């Protein structure tokens, strides 16, 4: 009788699945956290791209309208203010304007490049490659009026 009780206890221990959920959770949670952080980083980059696109459009529109008081410094100030409002560093932005005030009907172009740095997954990206940033670009062409 004693041998049967011991054997039953050994069978229960071998077949017990009490820790299975914990082990599965421990295996799955790092992947879920990585997915969530990736989604947050992608959202931040998308927002930065939208800010760049909006400010490029607005500043070039102000430049091509027949307004003699609008200067390059004023345009750059507007761009910098919009970047600061979006919690972005204006020193990371490179602005190139061509064809501005070249005459009515001629095209004017603005190009903005911004070096976006990853905040949350930067250590993981740094482990895989040396580059921890992404260069976001936007450009617009409008006709001088």
N, C-alpha and C. Protein backbone atom coordinates (compact mmCIF):
# COMPACT_ATOMS: atom_id res chain seq x y z
N UNK A 1 0.81 -1.18 0.00
CA UNK A 1 0.00 0.00 0.00
C UNK A 1 0.86 1.26 0.00
N UNK A 2 1.96 1.17 0.72
CA UNK A 2 2.85 2.30 0.82
C UNK A 2 3.48 2.63 -0.54
N UNK A 3 3.82 1.60 -1.31
CA UNK A 3 4.41 1.81 -2.63
C UNK A 3 3.44 2.46 -3.59
N UNK A 4 2.16 2.13 -3.50
CA UNK A 4 1.15 2.72 -4.38
C UNK A 4 0.97 4.20 -4.08
N UNK A 5 1.03 4.59 -2.83
CA UNK A 5 0.88 6.00 -2.44
C UNK A 5 2.05 6.83 -2.95
N UNK A 6 3.23 6.30 -2.81
CA UNK A 6 4.42 7.01 -3.29
C UNK A 6 4.36 7.15 -4.80
N UNK A 7 3.95 6.07 -5.46
CA UNK A 7 3.87 6.10 -6.92
C UNK A 7 2.82 7.11 -7.38
N UNK A 8 1.70 7.20 -6.69
CA UNK A 8 0.65 8.15 -7.04
C UNK A 8 1.16 9.58 -6.88
N UNK A 9 1.92 9.83 -5.83
CA UNK A 9 2.48 11.16 -5.62
C UNK A 9 3.50 11.51 -6.70
N UNK A 10 4.32 10.57 -7.08
CA UNK A 10 5.30 10.80 -8.15
C UNK A 10 4.57 11.08 -9.46
N UNK A 11 3.51 10.32 -9.76
CA UNK A 11 2.73 10.56 -10.98
C UNK A 11 2.11 11.95 -10.98
N UNK A 12 1.61 12.40 -9.83
CA UNK A 12 1.02 13.73 -9.74
C UNK A 12 2.07 14.82 -9.97
N UNK A 13 3.26 14.63 -9.44
CA UNK A 13 4.33 15.61 -9.63
C UNK A 13 4.78 15.67 -11.08
N UNK A 14 4.87 14.54 -11.71
CA UNK A 14 5.32 14.49 -13.10
C UNK A 14 4.29 15.12 -14.03
N UNK A 15 3.01 14.86 -13.77
CA UNK A 15 1.96 15.35 -14.64
C UNK A 15 1.46 16.75 -14.26
N UNK A 16 1.93 17.32 -13.20
CA UNK A 16 1.45 18.62 -12.75
C UNK A 16 1.79 19.69 -13.76
N UNK A 17 0.83 20.55 -14.05
CA UNK A 17 1.02 21.64 -15.01
C UNK A 17 0.85 23.00 -14.35
N UNK A 18 1.07 23.05 -13.06
CA UNK A 18 0.88 24.30 -12.32
C UNK A 18 1.82 25.40 -12.79
N UNK A 19 3.04 25.11 -13.14
CA UNK A 19 4.01 26.13 -13.53
C UNK A 19 4.06 26.40 -15.01
N UNK A 20 3.26 25.70 -15.80
CA UNK A 20 3.30 25.86 -17.25
C UNK A 20 2.92 27.27 -17.67
N UNK A 21 1.89 27.82 -17.11
CA UNK A 21 1.45 29.17 -17.49
C UNK A 21 2.52 30.21 -17.13
N UNK A 22 3.17 30.01 -16.01
CA UNK A 22 4.22 30.95 -15.61
C UNK A 22 5.40 30.90 -16.57
N UNK A 23 5.79 29.71 -16.99
CA UNK A 23 6.89 29.57 -17.94
C UNK A 23 6.52 30.17 -19.29
N UNK A 24 5.31 29.92 -19.74
CA UNK A 24 4.88 30.50 -21.02
C UNK A 24 4.83 32.02 -20.94
N UNK A 25 4.35 32.54 -19.84
CA UNK A 25 4.31 33.99 -19.64
C UNK A 25 5.73 34.57 -19.67
N UNK A 26 6.66 33.90 -19.02
CA UNK A 26 8.05 34.37 -18.98
C UNK A 26 8.67 34.36 -20.38
N UNK A 27 8.25 33.44 -21.23
CA UNK A 27 8.78 33.39 -22.59
C UNK A 27 8.13 34.42 -23.51
N UNK A 28 6.87 34.73 -23.28
CA UNK A 28 6.12 35.61 -24.17
C UNK A 28 6.26 37.08 -23.80
N UNK A 29 6.39 37.42 -22.53
CA UNK A 29 6.39 38.82 -22.10
C UNK A 29 7.52 39.66 -22.72
N UNK A 30 8.73 39.15 -22.90
CA UNK A 30 9.74 40.00 -23.56
C UNK A 30 9.36 40.36 -24.99
N UNK A 31 8.77 39.44 -25.71
CA UNK A 31 8.35 39.74 -27.08
C UNK A 31 7.22 40.76 -27.10
N UNK A 32 6.28 40.65 -26.17
CA UNK A 32 5.19 41.62 -26.09
C UNK A 32 5.70 43.01 -25.73
N UNK A 33 6.62 43.09 -24.79
CA UNK A 33 7.20 44.39 -24.41
C UNK A 33 7.97 45.01 -25.57
N UNK A 34 8.72 44.21 -26.29
CA UNK A 34 9.46 44.71 -27.45
C UNK A 34 8.50 45.22 -28.52
N UNK A 35 7.42 44.50 -28.73
CA UNK A 35 6.41 44.93 -29.69
C UNK A 35 5.78 46.25 -29.26
N UNK A 36 5.46 46.40 -28.00
CA UNK A 36 4.86 47.64 -27.50
C UNK A 36 5.83 48.82 -27.62
N UNK A 37 7.08 48.61 -27.26
CA UNK A 37 8.07 49.69 -27.37
C UNK A 37 8.30 50.07 -28.83
N UNK A 38 8.31 49.09 -29.70
CA UNK A 38 8.44 49.37 -31.13
C UNK A 38 7.28 50.19 -31.65
N UNK A 39 6.09 49.89 -31.18
CA UNK A 39 4.91 50.64 -31.58
C UNK A 39 4.98 52.08 -31.09
N UNK A 40 5.44 52.28 -29.87
CA UNK A 40 5.60 53.63 -29.33
C UNK A 40 6.65 54.41 -30.14
N UNK A 41 7.77 53.77 -30.45
CA UNK A 41 8.82 54.45 -31.23
C UNK A 41 8.33 54.79 -32.64
N UNK A 42 7.62 53.88 -33.26
CA UNK A 42 7.08 54.15 -34.60
C UNK A 42 6.10 55.32 -34.53
N UNK A 43 5.29 55.39 -33.50
CA UNK A 43 4.34 56.49 -33.34
C UNK A 43 5.06 57.82 -33.16
N UNK A 44 6.13 57.82 -32.39
CA UNK A 44 6.90 59.05 -32.20
C UNK A 44 7.52 59.52 -33.51
N UNK A 45 8.07 58.58 -34.28
CA UNK A 45 8.68 58.93 -35.57
C UNK A 45 7.61 59.44 -36.55
N UNK A 46 6.46 58.81 -36.57
CA UNK A 46 5.36 59.24 -37.44
C UNK A 46 4.93 60.66 -37.08
N UNK A 47 4.80 60.95 -35.79
CA UNK A 47 4.42 62.28 -35.35
C UNK A 47 5.47 63.31 -35.77
N UNK A 48 6.73 62.99 -35.62
CA UNK A 48 7.79 63.91 -36.02
C UNK A 48 7.74 64.17 -37.53
N UNK A 49 7.46 63.14 -38.32
CA UNK A 49 7.34 63.30 -39.77
C UNK A 49 6.17 64.22 -40.11
N UNK A 50 5.05 64.07 -39.41
CA UNK A 50 3.89 64.93 -39.66
C UNK A 50 4.18 66.38 -39.29
N UNK A 51 4.90 66.59 -38.21
CA UNK A 51 5.28 67.95 -37.82
C UNK A 51 6.16 68.58 -38.89
N UNK A 52 7.13 67.83 -39.39
CA UNK A 52 8.02 68.34 -40.44
C UNK A 52 7.24 68.69 -41.71
N UNK A 53 6.32 67.82 -42.08
CA UNK A 53 5.53 68.06 -43.29
C UNK A 53 4.67 69.31 -43.15
N UNK A 54 4.02 69.46 -42.02
CA UNK A 54 3.16 70.63 -41.80
C UNK A 54 3.96 71.93 -41.79
N UNK A 55 5.08 71.93 -41.09
CA UNK A 55 5.86 73.17 -41.00
C UNK A 55 6.51 73.50 -42.34
N UNK A 56 6.89 72.51 -43.12
CA UNK A 56 7.45 72.79 -44.45
C UNK A 56 6.40 73.42 -45.35
N UNK A 57 5.21 72.86 -45.34
CA UNK A 57 4.12 73.40 -46.16
C UNK A 57 3.77 74.83 -45.76
N UNK A 58 3.63 75.07 -44.46
CA UNK A 58 3.26 76.40 -43.99
C UNK A 58 4.33 77.44 -44.28
N UNK A 59 5.57 77.08 -44.04
CA UNK A 59 6.64 78.06 -44.24
C UNK A 59 6.86 78.35 -45.72
N UNK A 60 6.73 77.35 -46.59
CA UNK A 60 6.90 77.62 -48.02
C UNK A 60 5.72 78.42 -48.55
N UNK A 61 4.53 78.15 -48.05
CA UNK A 61 3.36 78.92 -48.48
C UNK A 61 3.54 80.40 -48.11
N UNK A 62 4.06 80.66 -46.93
CA UNK A 62 4.33 82.04 -46.54
C UNK A 62 5.40 82.68 -47.41
N UNK A 63 6.30 81.87 -47.94
CA UNK A 63 7.39 82.40 -48.76
C UNK A 63 6.96 82.72 -50.18
N UNK A 64 6.08 81.92 -50.77
CA UNK A 64 5.74 82.12 -52.18
C UNK A 64 4.64 83.15 -52.39
N UNK A 65 3.88 83.48 -51.35
CA UNK A 65 2.87 84.51 -51.47
C UNK A 65 3.58 85.86 -51.56
N UNK A 66 3.06 86.74 -52.37
CA UNK A 66 3.70 88.04 -52.58
C UNK A 66 3.66 88.84 -51.29
N UNK A 67 4.67 88.64 -50.44
CA UNK A 67 4.78 89.34 -49.16
C UNK A 67 6.24 89.76 -49.01
N UNK A 68 6.50 91.04 -49.19
CA UNK A 68 7.88 91.52 -49.18
C UNK A 68 8.50 91.51 -47.78
N UNK A 69 7.67 91.49 -46.73
CA UNK A 69 8.22 91.52 -45.37
C UNK A 69 8.64 90.14 -44.87
N UNK A 70 8.28 89.10 -45.58
CA UNK A 70 8.61 87.73 -45.16
C UNK A 70 10.04 87.42 -45.60
N UNK A 71 10.90 87.12 -44.64
CA UNK A 71 12.32 86.87 -44.95
C UNK A 71 12.69 85.43 -44.60
N UNK A 72 13.89 85.06 -45.00
CA UNK A 72 14.37 83.71 -44.68
C UNK A 72 14.48 83.53 -43.17
N UNK A 73 14.92 84.58 -42.47
CA UNK A 73 15.02 84.49 -41.01
C UNK A 73 13.66 84.28 -40.37
N UNK A 74 12.63 84.95 -40.89
CA UNK A 74 11.27 84.76 -40.39
C UNK A 74 10.80 83.32 -40.63
N UNK A 75 11.10 82.81 -41.81
CA UNK A 75 10.72 81.43 -42.13
C UNK A 75 11.44 80.46 -41.20
N UNK A 76 12.70 80.66 -40.99
CA UNK A 76 13.47 79.77 -40.12
C UNK A 76 12.97 79.86 -38.66
N UNK A 77 12.58 81.05 -38.24
CA UNK A 77 12.04 81.20 -36.90
C UNK A 77 10.73 80.43 -36.75
N UNK A 78 9.89 80.48 -37.76
CA UNK A 78 8.62 79.73 -37.73
C UNK A 78 8.88 78.22 -37.67
N UNK A 79 9.84 77.77 -38.44
CA UNK A 79 10.19 76.34 -38.43
C UNK A 79 10.70 75.94 -37.06
N UNK A 80 11.61 76.73 -36.52
CA UNK A 80 12.17 76.41 -35.19
C UNK A 80 11.09 76.42 -34.11
N UNK A 81 10.18 77.40 -34.17
CA UNK A 81 9.10 77.46 -33.18
C UNK A 81 8.19 76.23 -33.26
N UNK A 82 7.88 75.80 -34.47
CA UNK A 82 7.03 74.62 -34.63
C UNK A 82 7.73 73.37 -34.11
N UNK A 83 9.02 73.26 -34.33
CA UNK A 83 9.77 72.10 -33.84
C UNK A 83 9.84 72.10 -32.32
N UNK A 84 10.03 73.27 -31.73
CA UNK A 84 10.08 73.37 -30.27
C UNK A 84 8.72 73.01 -29.67
N UNK A 85 7.63 73.48 -30.29
CA UNK A 85 6.29 73.14 -29.80
C UNK A 85 6.04 71.63 -29.83
N UNK A 86 6.68 70.93 -30.76
CA UNK A 86 6.52 69.48 -30.88
C UNK A 86 7.59 68.73 -30.08
N UNK A 87 8.32 69.44 -29.22
CA UNK A 87 9.39 68.85 -28.40
C UNK A 87 10.49 68.23 -29.25
N UNK A 88 10.81 68.89 -30.34
CA UNK A 88 11.90 68.45 -31.22
C UNK A 88 13.00 69.51 -31.17
N UNK A 89 14.24 69.07 -31.36
CA UNK A 89 15.39 69.96 -31.30
C UNK A 89 15.60 70.64 -32.66
N UNK A 90 15.47 71.98 -32.74
CA UNK A 90 15.65 72.66 -34.02
C UNK A 90 17.06 72.55 -34.58
N UNK A 91 18.05 72.30 -33.72
CA UNK A 91 19.43 72.19 -34.20
C UNK A 91 19.64 70.93 -35.04
N UNK A 92 18.75 69.96 -34.94
CA UNK A 92 18.88 68.74 -35.73
C UNK A 92 18.24 68.86 -37.11
N UNK A 93 17.59 69.98 -37.37
CA UNK A 93 16.91 70.18 -38.65
C UNK A 93 17.82 70.92 -39.63
N UNK A 94 17.83 70.44 -40.85
CA UNK A 94 18.55 71.08 -41.94
C UNK A 94 17.50 71.57 -42.94
N UNK A 95 17.50 72.88 -43.20
CA UNK A 95 16.51 73.48 -44.09
C UNK A 95 17.22 74.00 -45.33
N UNK A 96 16.67 73.65 -46.50
CA UNK A 96 17.22 74.12 -47.77
C UNK A 96 16.07 74.67 -48.60
N UNK A 97 16.17 75.94 -48.98
CA UNK A 97 15.13 76.60 -49.77
C UNK A 97 15.75 77.05 -51.08
N UNK A 98 15.07 76.77 -52.19
CA UNK A 98 15.57 77.21 -53.50
C UNK A 98 14.40 77.76 -54.32
N UNK A 99 14.71 78.70 -55.19
CA UNK A 99 13.72 79.27 -56.08
C UNK A 99 12.78 80.27 -55.44
N UNK A 100 13.12 80.69 -54.25
CA UNK A 100 12.25 81.62 -53.53
C UNK A 100 12.45 83.01 -54.10
N UNK A 101 11.35 83.71 -54.36
CA UNK A 101 11.33 85.06 -54.93
C UNK A 101 12.07 85.12 -56.26
N UNK A 102 11.93 84.05 -57.04
CA UNK A 102 12.59 83.99 -58.35
C UNK A 102 11.71 84.57 -59.44
N UNK A 103 10.52 85.01 -59.11
CA UNK A 103 9.62 85.60 -60.11
C UNK A 103 8.30 84.83 -60.13
N UNK A 104 7.27 85.54 -60.51
CA UNK A 104 5.93 84.95 -60.53
C UNK A 104 5.87 83.77 -61.48
N UNK A 105 5.30 82.67 -61.00
CA UNK A 105 5.13 81.48 -61.82
C UNK A 105 6.28 80.48 -61.74
N UNK A 106 7.40 80.89 -61.19
CA UNK A 106 8.53 79.95 -61.09
C UNK A 106 8.38 79.11 -59.82
N UNK A 107 8.88 77.89 -59.86
CA UNK A 107 8.71 77.02 -58.68
C UNK A 107 9.70 77.36 -57.56
N UNK A 108 9.23 77.23 -56.35
CA UNK A 108 10.06 77.36 -55.15
C UNK A 108 10.00 76.02 -54.42
N UNK A 109 11.09 75.63 -53.82
CA UNK A 109 11.18 74.31 -53.18
C UNK A 109 11.79 74.45 -51.79
N UNK A 110 11.25 73.66 -50.86
CA UNK A 110 11.83 73.57 -49.53
C UNK A 110 12.08 72.11 -49.22
N UNK A 111 13.24 71.84 -48.65
CA UNK A 111 13.61 70.50 -48.20
C UNK A 111 14.01 70.61 -46.74
N UNK A 112 13.43 69.75 -45.91
CA UNK A 112 13.79 69.72 -44.49
C UNK A 112 14.20 68.29 -44.15
N UNK A 113 15.36 68.17 -43.53
CA UNK A 113 15.84 66.89 -43.01
C UNK A 113 15.97 67.02 -41.50
N UNK A 114 15.57 65.97 -40.81
CA UNK A 114 15.63 65.98 -39.35
C UNK A 114 16.17 64.65 -38.87
N UNK A 115 17.17 64.70 -38.00
CA UNK A 115 17.76 63.48 -37.44
C UNK A 115 16.96 63.08 -36.20
N UNK A 116 16.14 62.06 -36.35
CA UNK A 116 15.27 61.58 -35.27
C UNK A 116 16.00 60.48 -34.51
N UNK A 117 16.09 60.65 -33.20
CA UNK A 117 16.76 59.66 -32.36
C UNK A 117 15.72 58.80 -31.65
N UNK A 118 15.96 57.51 -31.65
CA UNK A 118 15.09 56.59 -30.93
C UNK A 118 15.38 56.68 -29.44
N UNK A 119 14.34 56.70 -28.63
CA UNK A 119 14.51 56.85 -27.18
C UNK A 119 14.46 55.53 -26.45
N UNK A 120 13.47 54.70 -26.75
CA UNK A 120 13.24 53.50 -25.96
C UNK A 120 13.99 52.28 -26.49
N UNK A 121 14.05 52.13 -27.80
CA UNK A 121 14.69 50.93 -28.34
C UNK A 121 16.09 51.21 -28.87
N UNK A 122 16.64 52.38 -28.52
CA UNK A 122 17.99 52.73 -28.98
C UNK A 122 19.04 51.71 -28.53
N UNK A 123 19.01 51.21 -27.29
CA UNK A 123 20.02 50.20 -26.93
C UNK A 123 19.92 48.93 -27.78
N UNK A 124 18.72 48.53 -28.14
CA UNK A 124 18.57 47.35 -28.98
C UNK A 124 19.05 47.61 -30.39
N UNK A 125 18.75 48.81 -30.90
CA UNK A 125 19.23 49.16 -32.24
C UNK A 125 20.75 49.28 -32.22
N UNK A 126 21.30 49.86 -31.15
CA UNK A 126 22.75 49.99 -31.03
C UNK A 126 23.44 48.65 -30.96
N UNK A 127 22.75 47.66 -30.41
CA UNK A 127 23.31 46.32 -30.35
C UNK A 127 23.39 45.72 -31.75
N UNK A 128 22.41 46.01 -32.59
CA UNK A 128 22.36 45.44 -33.93
C UNK A 128 23.16 46.26 -34.93
N UNK A 129 23.25 47.58 -34.74
CA UNK A 129 24.01 48.43 -35.66
C UNK A 129 24.51 49.65 -34.92
N UNK A 130 25.40 50.37 -35.53
CA UNK A 130 25.97 51.56 -34.90
C UNK A 130 25.02 52.76 -34.95
N UNK A 131 24.12 52.79 -35.92
CA UNK A 131 23.25 53.94 -36.11
C UNK A 131 22.01 53.81 -35.23
N UNK A 132 21.80 54.79 -34.36
CA UNK A 132 20.64 54.79 -33.46
C UNK A 132 19.64 55.87 -33.84
N UNK A 133 19.76 56.42 -35.03
CA UNK A 133 18.85 57.49 -35.43
C UNK A 133 18.33 57.22 -36.84
N UNK A 134 17.35 58.03 -37.20
CA UNK A 134 16.69 57.92 -38.49
C UNK A 134 16.57 59.32 -39.06
N UNK A 135 16.90 59.50 -40.32
CA UNK A 135 16.80 60.82 -40.94
C UNK A 135 15.44 60.92 -41.62
N UNK A 136 14.61 61.82 -41.11
CA UNK A 136 13.29 62.07 -41.68
C UNK A 136 13.42 63.22 -42.67
N UNK A 137 12.83 63.07 -43.84
CA UNK A 137 12.91 64.12 -44.86
C UNK A 137 11.52 64.46 -45.36
N UNK A 138 11.36 65.71 -45.75
CA UNK A 138 10.14 66.15 -46.39
C UNK A 138 10.50 67.28 -47.35
N UNK A 139 9.72 67.42 -48.41
CA UNK A 139 9.96 68.50 -49.36
C UNK A 139 8.65 68.91 -50.01
N UNK A 140 8.59 70.17 -50.41
CA UNK A 140 7.43 70.72 -51.09
C UNK A 140 7.90 71.63 -52.20
N UNK A 141 7.11 71.66 -53.25
CA UNK A 141 7.34 72.59 -54.36
C UNK A 141 6.05 73.36 -54.56
N UNK A 142 6.17 74.70 -54.61
CA UNK A 142 5.02 75.56 -54.87
C UNK A 142 5.43 76.64 -55.86
N UNK A 143 4.45 77.19 -56.53
CA UNK A 143 4.68 78.22 -57.53
C UNK A 143 4.69 79.59 -56.85
N UNK A 144 5.69 80.42 -57.19
CA UNK A 144 5.74 81.79 -56.67
C UNK A 144 4.57 82.59 -57.22
N UNK A 145 3.93 83.32 -56.37
CA UNK A 145 2.78 84.14 -56.79
C UNK A 145 3.15 85.60 -56.84
